[in-house]
Amino acid sequence: MRQNLNLSTSPSAIAQEVDELDQEETRAVRIFQETSSCVVFIKDLELTKTPKSTSEVGLAEDENAKVEGTGSGFIWDKFGHIVTNYHVVSKLATDRSGLQRCKVSLVDSAGNNITREGILIGFDPDYDLAVLKVDAVGNELNPATIGTSRELQVGQSCFAIGNPYGFENTLTTGVISGLGREIPSPNGRAIRGAIQTDAAINAGNSGGPLIDSYGHVIGVNTATFTRKGSGISSGVNFAIPIDTAVRIVPYLIVYGTPYTDRY
């Protein structure tokens, strides 16, 4: 007996699936185009190679970036302040004037690729945050739009932009996988409230922004979970909540140290 088959893969159904995929792609393209100019490439770091961490939650620069001397960051304001991770710049050599310098590649508001000298002006090892200052005279910068991490929800989309292994302006996508995580800081103290994501974070990504679907920075990418001895990310990555950076960065800009270090 012949049966009538109800095929679900009709042309209209396929077209609808394609349209939905296109919407996701369009959103990712839009976010990259709107936010990538706030991301900087930190390079020419005069770093010394340090022993590989024994922690399973490894700072994303532990191995590769300390050899190659690269990292990421994002433009905090129009005055040329750059936010990054402390562990990206913690081994910068000090010159005769007592300053710690590096090179920062960025894009100005006119779309010009420029390289400026970055000077380390403040850092907080407890929260793995640091601030560089570049001379912005003659170039209008594109500061990041700072969001909030207070109302994040597990499952919402997120995007990471950085320079993994020196590949500039790399976009990776994922979701918020967990909230309120605890990860080690460079000095061994716990950073509480970290954001967990499956958006890929590799060596060179550290210090770059974690971005939400509105193009707002919600975190500072900092660490990846690796199996001991493998050096391979398992898709479990972490970012410092942007609300933490909002609380600490102004003190680093003005005083060079966090509030608690001055009392």
Protein backbone atom coordinates (compact mmCIF):
# COMPACT_ATOMS: atom_id res chain seq x y z
CA MET A 1 0.00 0.00 0.00
CA ARG A 2 1.41 3.35 -1.03
CA GLN A 3 1.81 5.84 1.81
CA ASN A 4 1.81 9.60 1.51
CA LEU A 5 5.02 10.97 2.96
CA ASN A 6 5.03 14.39 4.60
CA LEU A 7 8.52 15.64 3.84
CA SER A 8 9.68 18.29 6.30
CA THR A 9 12.54 19.50 4.11
CA SER A 10 10.38 21.57 1.80
CA PRO A 11 11.95 24.49 -0.09
CA SER A 12 10.16 26.97 2.16
CA ALA A 13 11.49 25.27 5.31
CA ILE A 14 15.03 25.26 3.94
CA ALA A 15 14.71 28.92 2.97
CA GLN A 16 13.56 29.77 6.49
CA GLU A 17 16.55 27.98 8.02
CA VAL A 18 18.90 29.86 5.72
CA ASP A 19 17.27 33.16 6.65
CA GLU A 20 17.74 32.42 10.35
CA LEU A 21 21.39 31.53 9.81
CA ASP A 22 21.88 34.70 7.82
CA GLN A 23 20.51 36.73 10.72
CA GLU A 24 23.07 35.21 13.07
CA GLU A 25 25.86 35.84 10.59
CA THR A 26 24.69 39.40 10.01
CA ARG A 27 24.75 40.09 13.72
CA ALA A 28 28.29 38.73 14.08
CA VAL A 29 29.47 40.78 11.10
CA ARG A 30 27.83 43.92 12.50
CA ILE A 31 29.35 43.48 15.93
CA PHE A 32 32.83 42.91 14.50
CA GLN A 33 32.58 45.95 12.23
CA GLU A 34 31.33 48.17 15.04
CA THR A 35 33.74 47.05 17.76
CA SER A 36 36.99 45.77 16.24
CA SER A 37 38.46 49.27 16.01
CA CYS A 38 38.52 49.51 19.81
CA VAL A 39 40.74 46.42 20.06
CA VAL A 40 44.52 46.87 20.09
CA PHE A 41 47.46 44.56 19.41
CA ILE A 42 50.14 44.77 22.10
CA LYS A 43 53.51 43.60 20.80
CA ASP A 44 57.28 43.92 21.02
CA LEU A 45 57.05 42.98 24.67
CA GLU A 46 60.50 42.42 26.16
CA LEU A 47 59.43 39.43 28.22
CA THR A 48 61.32 36.64 29.86
CA LYS A 49 59.99 33.12 29.60
CA THR A 50 58.64 31.88 32.91
CA PRO A 51 57.96 28.32 34.05
CA LYS A 52 54.67 26.97 32.81
CA SER A 53 51.84 27.20 35.32
CA THR A 54 50.82 23.99 37.07
CA SER A 55 47.23 25.20 37.47
CA GLU A 56 44.57 23.71 35.23
CA VAL A 57 43.11 27.19 34.83
CA GLY A 58 45.94 28.80 32.92
CA LEU A 59 46.37 32.43 32.05
CA ALA A 60 46.08 32.47 28.30
CA GLU A 61 49.58 33.94 27.94
CA ASP A 62 51.33 31.34 30.12
CA GLU A 63 53.29 29.65 27.36
CA ASN A 64 53.10 31.11 23.87
CA ALA A 65 52.75 34.85 24.40
CA LYS A 66 55.69 35.02 26.78
CA VAL A 67 57.84 33.67 24.00
CA GLU A 68 56.38 35.77 21.19
CA GLY A 69 55.67 38.88 23.29
CA THR A 70 52.13 39.66 22.14
CA GLY A 71 48.76 40.32 23.70
CA SER A 72 45.50 42.19 23.29
CA GLY A 73 43.76 45.13 24.90
CA PHE A 74 41.02 47.65 24.21
CA ILE A 75 40.74 51.43 24.14
CA TRP A 76 39.20 52.66 27.38
CA ASP A 77 38.81 56.35 26.57
CA LYS A 78 39.66 59.04 24.01
CA PHE A 79 42.75 60.04 25.99
CA GLY A 80 44.64 56.92 24.95
CA HIS A 81 44.24 54.67 27.97
CA ILE A 82 44.38 50.99 27.06
CA VAL A 83 43.05 48.23 29.33
CA THR A 84 44.69 44.81 29.22
CA ASN A 85 45.65 41.97 31.56
CA TYR A 86 48.42 42.42 34.06
CA HIS A 87 49.97 39.09 33.09
CA VAL A 88 50.37 40.36 29.51
CA VAL A 89 52.68 43.20 30.61
CA SER A 90 53.97 42.00 33.98
CA LYS A 91 57.43 41.11 32.64
CA LEU A 92 58.02 44.30 30.66
CA ALA A 93 61.61 45.47 30.86
CA THR A 94 62.23 48.77 32.64
CA ASP A 95 64.29 51.30 30.67
CA ARG A 96 66.80 53.81 32.02
CA SER A 97 64.07 56.36 32.68
CA GLY A 98 62.25 53.88 34.87
CA LEU A 99 59.40 53.33 32.41
CA GLN A 100 58.04 50.07 31.04
CA ARG A 101 57.27 50.35 27.33
CA CYS A 102 55.80 48.31 24.49
CA LYS A 103 54.29 48.82 21.03
CA VAL A 104 50.54 49.14 20.54
CA SER A 105 48.95 48.74 17.10
CA LEU A 106 45.47 50.21 16.73
CA VAL A 107 43.00 51.71 14.28
CA ASP A 108 41.94 55.35 14.57
CA SER A 109 38.48 56.74 13.76
CA ALA A 110 39.56 57.43 10.17
CA GLY A 111 40.41 53.76 9.66
CA ASN A 112 44.16 54.29 9.70
CA ASN A 113 46.35 51.54 11.14
CA ILE A 114 48.84 53.18 13.46
CA THR A 115 51.45 52.01 15.94
CA ARG A 116 52.16 53.94 19.10
CA GLU A 117 54.42 53.48 22.06
CA GLY A 118 52.53 52.24 25.10
CA ILE A 119 53.69 53.03 28.62
CA LEU A 120 52.55 50.97 31.59
CA ILE A 121 50.97 53.43 34.04
CA GLY A 122 49.04 51.21 36.42
CA PHE A 123 48.30 47.62 37.35
CA ASP A 124 46.49 45.41 39.84
CA PRO A 125 47.83 41.84 40.05
CA ASP A 126 44.96 40.80 42.33
CA TYR A 127 42.48 41.26 39.48
CA ASP A 128 44.89 40.74 36.57
CA LEU A 129 44.25 44.23 35.19
CA ALA A 130 46.67 46.81 33.80
CA VAL A 131 46.50 50.15 31.99
CA LEU A 132 48.77 51.37 29.21
CA LYS A 133 48.89 54.96 27.93
CA VAL A 134 49.48 55.82 24.28
CA ASP A 135 49.96 59.27 22.80
CA ALA A 136 46.71 59.98 20.94
CA VAL A 137 47.71 63.42 19.64
CA GLY A 138 46.77 63.78 15.97
CA ASN A 139 44.53 60.71 15.94
CA GLU A 140 40.96 60.38 17.13
CA LEU A 141 40.53 57.05 18.86
CA ASN A 142 37.51 54.74 19.06
CA PRO A 143 36.96 53.86 22.73
CA ALA A 144 35.02 50.72 23.56
CA THR A 145 31.42 51.02 24.64
CA ILE A 146 31.47 49.79 28.21
CA GLY A 147 28.50 47.69 29.24
CA THR A 148 27.69 45.93 32.50
CA SER A 149 28.20 42.38 33.69
CA ARG A 150 25.62 42.67 36.43
CA GLU A 151 22.68 41.33 34.44
CA LEU A 152 24.37 38.66 32.32
CA GLN A 153 22.54 35.39 31.84
CA VAL A 154 23.85 31.93 31.06
CA GLY A 155 23.08 31.11 27.45
CA GLN A 156 23.31 34.59 25.98
CA SER A 157 25.61 35.14 23.03
CA CYS A 158 29.04 36.68 23.39
CA PHE A 159 31.96 37.55 21.13
CA ALA A 160 35.71 37.75 21.75
CA ILE A 161 38.07 39.84 19.63
CA GLY A 162 41.83 39.61 20.00
CA ASN A 163 45.12 38.56 18.49
CA PRO A 164 45.61 34.84 19.17
CA TYR A 165 49.12 33.67 18.26
CA GLY A 166 49.66 37.06 16.60
CA PHE A 167 46.73 36.79 14.16
CA GLU A 168 45.31 40.28 14.44
CA ASN A 169 41.61 41.10 14.79
CA THR A 170 40.40 37.54 15.22
CA LEU A 171 36.73 37.09 16.12
CA THR A 172 35.45 34.07 18.03
CA THR A 173 31.87 33.50 19.10
CA GLY A 174 30.12 31.57 21.82
CA VAL A 175 27.78 31.86 24.76
CA ILE A 176 28.00 32.70 28.42
CA SER A 177 28.54 29.23 29.87
CA GLY A 178 28.64 30.12 33.55
CA LEU A 179 28.77 33.00 36.01
CA GLY A 180 30.38 33.59 39.37
CA ARG A 181 33.40 31.41 38.67
CA GLU A 182 36.66 31.60 40.61
CA ILE A 183 40.01 31.70 38.81
CA PRO A 184 43.59 32.36 39.98
CA SER A 185 45.19 35.77 39.55
CA PRO A 186 48.88 36.14 38.58
CA ASN A 187 49.84 36.42 42.25
CA GLY A 188 47.83 33.35 43.20
CA ARG A 189 44.86 35.08 44.82
CA ALA A 190 41.38 34.14 43.65
CA ILE A 191 39.48 36.33 41.20
CA ARG A 192 35.83 35.83 42.07
CA GLY A 193 32.84 36.41 39.85
CA ALA A 194 34.59 35.47 36.59
CA ILE A 195 32.55 34.92 33.44
CA GLN A 196 32.85 31.49 31.82
CA THR A 197 32.44 31.25 28.03
CA ASP A 198 33.04 28.77 25.24
CA ALA A 199 34.19 31.55 22.89
CA ALA A 200 37.78 30.55 22.12
CA ILE A 201 40.48 32.37 24.08
CA ASN A 202 44.06 31.44 23.22
CA ALA A 203 47.55 32.82 23.71
CA GLY A 204 47.48 36.42 22.49
CA ASN A 205 43.76 36.88 23.26
CA SER A 206 44.40 37.91 26.84
CA GLY A 207 43.39 41.48 27.60
CA GLY A 208 40.94 41.70 24.73
CA PRO A 209 37.23 42.42 25.20
CA LEU A 210 34.36 40.00 25.66
CA ILE A 211 31.40 41.63 23.95
CA ASP A 212 27.63 41.16 24.11
CA SER A 213 25.09 41.24 21.27
CA TYR A 214 24.75 45.02 21.58
CA GLY A 215 28.45 45.61 21.02
CA HIS A 216 29.10 46.46 24.67
CA VAL A 217 32.17 45.20 26.51
CA ILE A 218 31.08 42.86 29.31
CA GLY A 219 34.42 41.35 30.28
CA VAL A 220 38.20 41.27 29.88
CA ASN A 221 39.35 37.94 28.44
CA THR A 222 41.99 36.44 30.67
CA ALA A 223 42.25 32.66 31.05
CA THR A 224 41.53 29.26 29.56
CA PHE A 225 41.12 25.87 31.20
CA THR A 226 43.73 23.40 29.98
CA ARG A 227 44.45 19.82 30.87
CA LYS A 228 47.74 19.54 32.71
CA GLY A 229 50.58 18.93 30.31
CA SER A 230 48.47 19.36 27.17
CA GLY A 231 48.46 23.13 26.67
CA ILE A 232 45.24 22.64 24.70
CA SER A 233 42.10 24.60 25.52
CA SER A 234 39.06 22.52 26.37
CA GLY A 235 36.59 25.25 25.41
CA VAL A 236 36.27 26.47 28.99
CA ASN A 237 37.46 30.07 29.03
CA PHE A 238 37.16 32.97 31.44
CA ALA A 239 36.85 36.75 31.49
CA ILE A 240 37.06 39.30 34.28
CA PRO A 241 33.64 41.00 34.67
CA ILE A 242 33.62 44.50 33.23
CA ASP A 243 32.00 45.81 36.41
CA THR A 244 35.21 44.84 38.21
CA ALA A 245 37.27 46.76 35.65
CA VAL A 246 34.97 49.79 35.92
CA ARG A 247 35.63 49.86 39.64
CA ILE A 248 39.41 49.43 39.43
CA VAL A 249 40.62 51.05 36.18
CA PRO A 250 39.96 54.71 37.18
CA TYR A 251 42.27 54.26 40.19
CA LEU A 252 44.94 52.71 38.00
CA ILE A 253 44.74 55.66 35.60
CA VAL A 254 45.02 58.30 38.33
CA TYR A 255 47.20 56.61 40.96
CA GLY A 256 48.82 53.65 39.22
CA THR A 257 47.61 51.26 41.91
CA PRO A 258 44.24 50.04 43.15
CA TYR A 259 42.50 51.91 45.96
CA THR A 260 43.47 49.38 48.62
CA ASP A 261 47.19 49.78 47.89
CA ARG A 262 47.14 53.41 49.01
CA TYR A 263 45.99 52.74 52.57
